[in-house]
Amino acid sequence: MNTLRNRVQLIGNLGSDPEIINLEDGKKIAKFSIATNETYKNAQGDKIESTCW
């Protein structure tokens, strides 16, 4: 059987400390908020900075 493996790299700033949740079967889940920043120039040449959570 083939093993599929996915990889994601998130680059940004943490909004708060990660929350670790222990599941009944012994597995763990980490929940966290992350902010990413985007900088670009609009049609008028103005620098626009945008943050998305």
PDB file of N, CA and C in Angstrom:
ATOM      1  N   MET A   1       0.845  -1.178   0.000  1.00  0.00           N
ATOM      2  CA  MET A   1       0.000   0.000   0.000  1.00  0.00           C
ATOM      3  C   MET A   1       0.890   1.240   0.000  1.00  0.00           C
ATOM      4  N   ASN A   2       0.555   2.224  -0.828  1.00  0.00           N
ATOM      5  CA  ASN A   2       1.304   3.475  -0.878  1.00  0.00           C
ATOM      6  C   ASN A   2       0.948   4.346   0.309  1.00  0.00           C
ATOM      7  N   THR A   3       1.945   5.031   0.827  1.00  0.00           N
ATOM      8  CA  THR A   3       1.727   5.955   1.931  1.00  0.00           C
ATOM      9  C   THR A   3       1.736   7.371   1.382  1.00  0.00           C
ATOM     10  N   LEU A   4       0.652   8.081   1.585  1.00  0.00           N
ATOM     11  CA  LEU A   4       0.569   9.468   1.158  1.00  0.00           C
ATOM     12  C   LEU A   4       1.023  10.365   2.293  1.00  0.00           C
ATOM     13  N   ARG A   5       1.760  11.393   1.952  1.00  0.00           N
ATOM     14  CA  ARG A   5       2.231  12.323   2.962  1.00  0.00           C
ATOM     15  C   ARG A   5       2.072  13.736   2.412  1.00  0.00           C
ATOM     16  N   ASN A   6       1.353  14.544   3.139  1.00  0.00           N
ATOM     17  CA  ASN A   6       1.156  15.936   2.764  1.00  0.00           C
ATOM     18  C   ASN A   6       1.984  16.810   3.682  1.00  0.00           C
ATOM     19  N   ARG A   7       2.441  17.932   3.128  1.00  0.00           N
ATOM     20  CA  ARG A   7       3.266  18.847   3.920  1.00  0.00           C
ATOM     21  C   ARG A   7       2.780  20.269   3.665  1.00  0.00           C
ATOM     22  N   VAL A   8       2.613  21.015   4.755  1.00  0.00           N
ATOM     23  CA  VAL A   8       2.179  22.410   4.680  1.00  0.00           C
ATOM     24  C   VAL A   8       3.136  23.234   5.518  1.00  0.00           C
ATOM     25  N   GLN A   9       3.555  24.382   4.972  1.00  0.00           N
ATOM     26  CA  GLN A   9       4.422  25.286   5.714  1.00  0.00           C
ATOM     27  C   GLN A   9       3.700  26.623   5.831  1.00  0.00           C
ATOM     28  N   LEU A  10       3.402  27.007   7.074  1.00  0.00           N
ATOM     29  CA  LEU A  10       2.727  28.271   7.358  1.00  0.00           C
ATOM     30  C   LEU A  10       3.738  29.241   7.947  1.00  0.00           C
ATOM     31  N   ILE A  11       3.827  30.426   7.360  1.00  0.00           N
ATOM     32  CA  ILE A  11       4.766  31.430   7.845  1.00  0.00           C
ATOM     33  C   ILE A  11       3.969  32.651   8.276  1.00  0.00           C
ATOM     34  N   GLY A  12       4.117  33.034   9.527  1.00  0.00           N
ATOM     35  CA  GLY A  12       3.376  34.177  10.050  1.00  0.00           C
ATOM     36  C   GLY A  12       3.700  34.374  11.518  1.00  0.00           C
ATOM     37  N   ASN A  13       2.790  35.043  12.215  1.00  0.00           N
ATOM     38  CA  ASN A  13       2.952  35.330  13.638  1.00  0.00           C
ATOM     39  C   ASN A  13       1.828  34.672  14.429  1.00  0.00           C
ATOM     40  N   LEU A  14       2.185  34.044  15.551  1.00  0.00           N
ATOM     41  CA  LEU A  14       1.181  33.423  16.406  1.00  0.00           C
ATOM     42  C   LEU A  14       0.376  34.491  17.134  1.00  0.00           C
ATOM     43  N   GLY A  15      -0.947  34.289  17.191  1.00  0.00           N
ATOM     44  CA  GLY A  15      -1.809  35.228  17.900  1.00  0.00           C
ATOM     45  C   GLY A  15      -1.862  34.946  19.387  1.00  0.00           C
ATOM     46  N   SER A  16      -1.636  33.695  19.776  1.00  0.00           N
ATOM     47  CA  SER A  16      -1.627  33.298  21.182  1.00  0.00           C
ATOM     48  C   SER A  16      -0.886  31.968  21.296  1.00  0.00           C
ATOM     49  N   ASP A  17      -0.691  31.496  22.522  1.00  0.00           N
ATOM     50  CA  ASP A  17      -0.029  30.208  22.715  1.00  0.00           C
ATOM     51  C   ASP A  17      -0.886  29.088  22.141  1.00  0.00           C
ATOM     52  N   PRO A  18      -0.249  28.051  21.561  1.00  0.00           N
ATOM     53  CA  PRO A  18      -1.024  26.912  21.035  1.00  0.00           C
ATOM     54  C   PRO A  18      -1.794  26.208  22.153  1.00  0.00           C
ATOM     55  N   GLU A  19      -2.963  25.703  21.798  1.00  0.00           N
ATOM     56  CA  GLU A  19      -3.796  24.932  22.731  1.00  0.00           C
ATOM     57  C   GLU A  19      -3.658  23.461  22.350  1.00  0.00           C
ATOM     58  N   ILE A  20      -3.185  22.627  23.280  1.00  0.00           N
ATOM     59  CA  ILE A  20      -2.996  21.205  23.034  1.00  0.00           C
ATOM     60  C   ILE A  20      -4.211  20.452  23.576  1.00  0.00           C
ATOM     61  N   ILE A  21      -4.833  19.642  22.717  1.00  0.00           N
ATOM     62  CA  ILE A  21      -6.010  18.854  23.098  1.00  0.00           C
ATOM     63  C   ILE A  21      -5.634  17.379  23.035  1.00  0.00           C
ATOM     64  N   ASN A  22      -5.865  16.645  24.121  1.00  0.00           N
ATOM     65  CA  ASN A  22      -5.617  15.205  24.166  1.00  0.00           C
ATOM     66  C   ASN A  22      -6.905  14.468  23.823  1.00  0.00           C
ATOM     67  N   LEU A  23      -6.856  13.624  22.793  1.00  0.00           N
ATOM     68  CA  LEU A  23      -8.014  12.831  22.396  1.00  0.00           C
ATOM     69  C   LEU A  23      -8.061  11.534  23.197  1.00  0.00           C
ATOM     70  N   GLU A  24      -9.215  10.880  23.188  1.00  0.00           N
ATOM     71  CA  GLU A  24      -9.403   9.658  23.972  1.00  0.00           C
ATOM     72  C   GLU A  24      -8.492   8.520  23.513  1.00  0.00           C
ATOM     73  N   ASP A  25      -8.147   8.489  22.234  1.00  0.00           N
ATOM     74  CA  ASP A  25      -7.311   7.389  21.729  1.00  0.00           C
ATOM     75  C   ASP A  25      -5.812   7.661  21.907  1.00  0.00           C
ATOM     76  N   GLY A  26      -5.456   8.724  22.642  1.00  0.00           N
ATOM     77  CA  GLY A  26      -4.062   9.019  22.925  1.00  0.00           C
ATOM     78  C   GLY A  26      -3.417   9.995  21.957  1.00  0.00           C
ATOM     79  N   LYS A  27      -4.098  10.346  20.882  1.00  0.00           N
ATOM     80  CA  LYS A  27      -3.551  11.299  19.926  1.00  0.00           C
ATOM     81  C   LYS A  27      -3.727  12.719  20.453  1.00  0.00           C
ATOM     82  N   LYS A  28      -2.949  13.638  19.894  1.00  0.00           N
ATOM     83  CA  LYS A  28      -3.016  15.037  20.319  1.00  0.00           C
ATOM     84  C   LYS A  28      -3.295  15.927  19.123  1.00  0.00           C
ATOM     85  N   ILE A  29      -3.966  17.041  19.391  1.00  0.00           N
ATOM     86  CA  ILE A  29      -4.248  18.053  18.379  1.00  0.00           C
ATOM     87  C   ILE A  29      -3.776  19.389  18.935  1.00  0.00           C
ATOM     88  N   ALA A  30      -3.136  20.195  18.086  1.00  0.00           N
ATOM     89  CA  ALA A  30      -2.719  21.539  18.481  1.00  0.00           C
ATOM     90  C   ALA A  30      -3.576  22.545  17.721  1.00  0.00           C
ATOM     91  N   LYS A  31      -4.175  23.490  18.451  1.00  0.00           N
ATOM     92  CA  LYS A  31      -4.964  24.566  17.846  1.00  0.00           C
ATOM     93  C   LYS A  31      -4.239  25.879  18.084  1.00  0.00           C
ATOM     94  N   PHE A  32      -4.147  26.702  17.030  1.00  0.00           N
ATOM     95  CA  PHE A  32      -3.497  27.998  17.174  1.00  0.00           C
ATOM     96  C   PHE A  32      -4.000  28.939  16.101  1.00  0.00           C
ATOM     97  N   SER A  33      -3.866  30.231  16.385  1.00  0.00           N
ATOM     98  CA  SER A  33      -4.213  31.242  15.384  1.00  0.00           C
ATOM     99  C   SER A  33      -2.914  31.823  14.840  1.00  0.00           C
ATOM    100  N   ILE A  34      -2.907  32.123  13.546  1.00  0.00           N
ATOM    101  CA  ILE A  34      -1.718  32.647  12.903  1.00  0.00           C
ATOM    102  C   ILE A  34      -2.116  33.815  12.010  1.00  0.00           C
ATOM    103  N   ALA A  35      -1.316  34.862  12.043  1.00  0.00           N
ATOM    104  CA  ALA A  35      -1.547  36.038  11.202  1.00  0.00           C
ATOM    105  C   ALA A  35      -0.495  36.056  10.097  1.00  0.00           C
ATOM    106  N   THR A  36      -0.944  36.264   8.866  1.00  0.00           N
ATOM    107  CA  THR A  36      -0.029  36.397   7.741  1.00  0.00           C
ATOM    108  C   THR A  36      -0.129  37.810   7.192  1.00  0.00           C
ATOM    109  N   ASN A  37       0.973  38.339   6.740  1.00  0.00           N
ATOM    110  CA  ASN A  37       1.030  39.702   6.225  1.00  0.00           C
ATOM    111  C   ASN A  37       1.262  39.690   4.714  1.00  0.00           C
ATOM    112  N   GLU A  38       0.659  40.651   4.044  1.00  0.00           N
ATOM    113  CA  GLU A  38       0.829  40.813   2.606  1.00  0.00           C
ATOM    114  C   GLU A  38       1.088  42.287   2.322  1.00  0.00           C
ATOM    115  N   THR A  39       2.087  42.579   1.511  1.00  0.00           N
ATOM    116  CA  THR A  39       2.408  43.952   1.132  1.00  0.00           C
ATOM    117  C   THR A  39       2.432  44.032  -0.389  1.00  0.00           C
ATOM    118  N   TYR A  40       1.759  45.040  -0.931  1.00  0.00           N
ATOM    119  CA  TYR A  40       1.730  45.228  -2.383  1.00  0.00           C
ATOM    120  C   TYR A  40       1.461  46.697  -2.690  1.00  0.00           C
ATOM    121  N   LYS A  41       1.607  47.055  -3.948  1.00  0.00           N
ATOM    122  CA  LYS A  41       1.305  48.420  -4.391  1.00  0.00           C
ATOM    123  C   LYS A  41       0.047  48.386  -5.253  1.00  0.00           C
ATOM    124  N   ASN A  42      -0.846  49.357  -5.024  1.00  0.00           N
ATOM    125  CA  ASN A  42      -2.072  49.419  -5.814  1.00  0.00           C
ATOM    126  C   ASN A  42      -1.796  50.156  -7.126  1.00  0.00           C
ATOM    127  N   ALA A  43      -2.846  50.374  -7.906  1.00  0.00           N
ATOM    128  CA  ALA A  43      -2.709  50.989  -9.220  1.00  0.00           C
ATOM    129  C   ALA A  43      -2.141  52.409  -9.144  1.00  0.00           C
ATOM    130  N   GLN A  44      -2.352  53.097  -8.036  1.00  0.00           N
ATOM    131  CA  GLN A  44      -1.845  54.455  -7.865  1.00  0.00           C
ATOM    132  C   GLN A  44      -0.395  54.472  -7.339  1.00  0.00           C
ATOM    133  N   GLY A  45       0.165  53.311  -7.057  1.00  0.00           N
ATOM    134  CA  GLY A  45       1.534  53.222  -6.553  1.00  0.00           C
ATOM    135  C   GLY A  45       1.652  53.313  -5.051  1.00  0.00           C
ATOM    136  N   ASP A  46       0.512  53.335  -4.345  1.00  0.00           N
ATOM    137  CA  ASP A  46       0.530  53.386  -2.876  1.00  0.00           C
ATOM    138  C   ASP A  46       0.848  52.005  -2.307  1.00  0.00           C
ATOM    139  N   LYS A  47       1.680  51.981  -1.257  1.00  0.00           N
ATOM    140  CA  LYS A  47       2.015  50.729  -0.592  1.00  0.00           C
ATOM    141  C   LYS A  47       0.864  50.325   0.318  1.00  0.00           C
ATOM    142  N   ILE A  48       0.355  49.114   0.135  1.00  0.00           N
ATOM    143  CA  ILE A  48      -0.762  48.597   0.926  1.00  0.00           C
ATOM    144  C   ILE A  48      -0.239  47.412   1.746  1.00  0.00           C
ATOM    145  N   GLU A  49      -0.514  47.451   3.062  1.00  0.00           N
ATOM    146  CA  GLU A  49      -0.164  46.338   3.952  1.00  0.00           C
ATOM    147  C   GLU A  49      -1.454  45.740   4.500  1.00  0.00           C
ATOM    148  N   SER A  50      -1.581  44.433   4.394  1.00  0.00           N
ATOM    149  CA  SER A  50      -2.800  43.761   4.824  1.00  0.00           C
ATOM    150  C   SER A  50      -2.429  42.568   5.708  1.00  0.00           C
ATOM    151  N   THR A  51      -3.142  42.399   6.819  1.00  0.00           N
ATOM    152  CA  THR A  51      -2.939  41.259   7.719  1.00  0.00           C
ATOM    153  C   THR A  51      -4.213  40.413   7.740  1.00  0.00           C
ATOM    154  N   CYS A  52      -4.042  39.116   7.541  1.00  0.00           N
ATOM    155  CA  CYS A  52      -5.168  38.165   7.582  1.00  0.00           C
ATOM    156  C   CYS A  52      -4.946  37.172   8.717  1.00  0.00           C
ATOM    157  N   TRP A  53      -5.998  36.909   9.488  1.00  0.00           N
ATOM    158  CA  TRP A  53      -5.927  35.920  10.574  1.00  0.00           C
ATOM    159  C   TRP A  53      -6.503  34.621  10.108  1.00  0.00           C
TER     160      TRP A  53
END
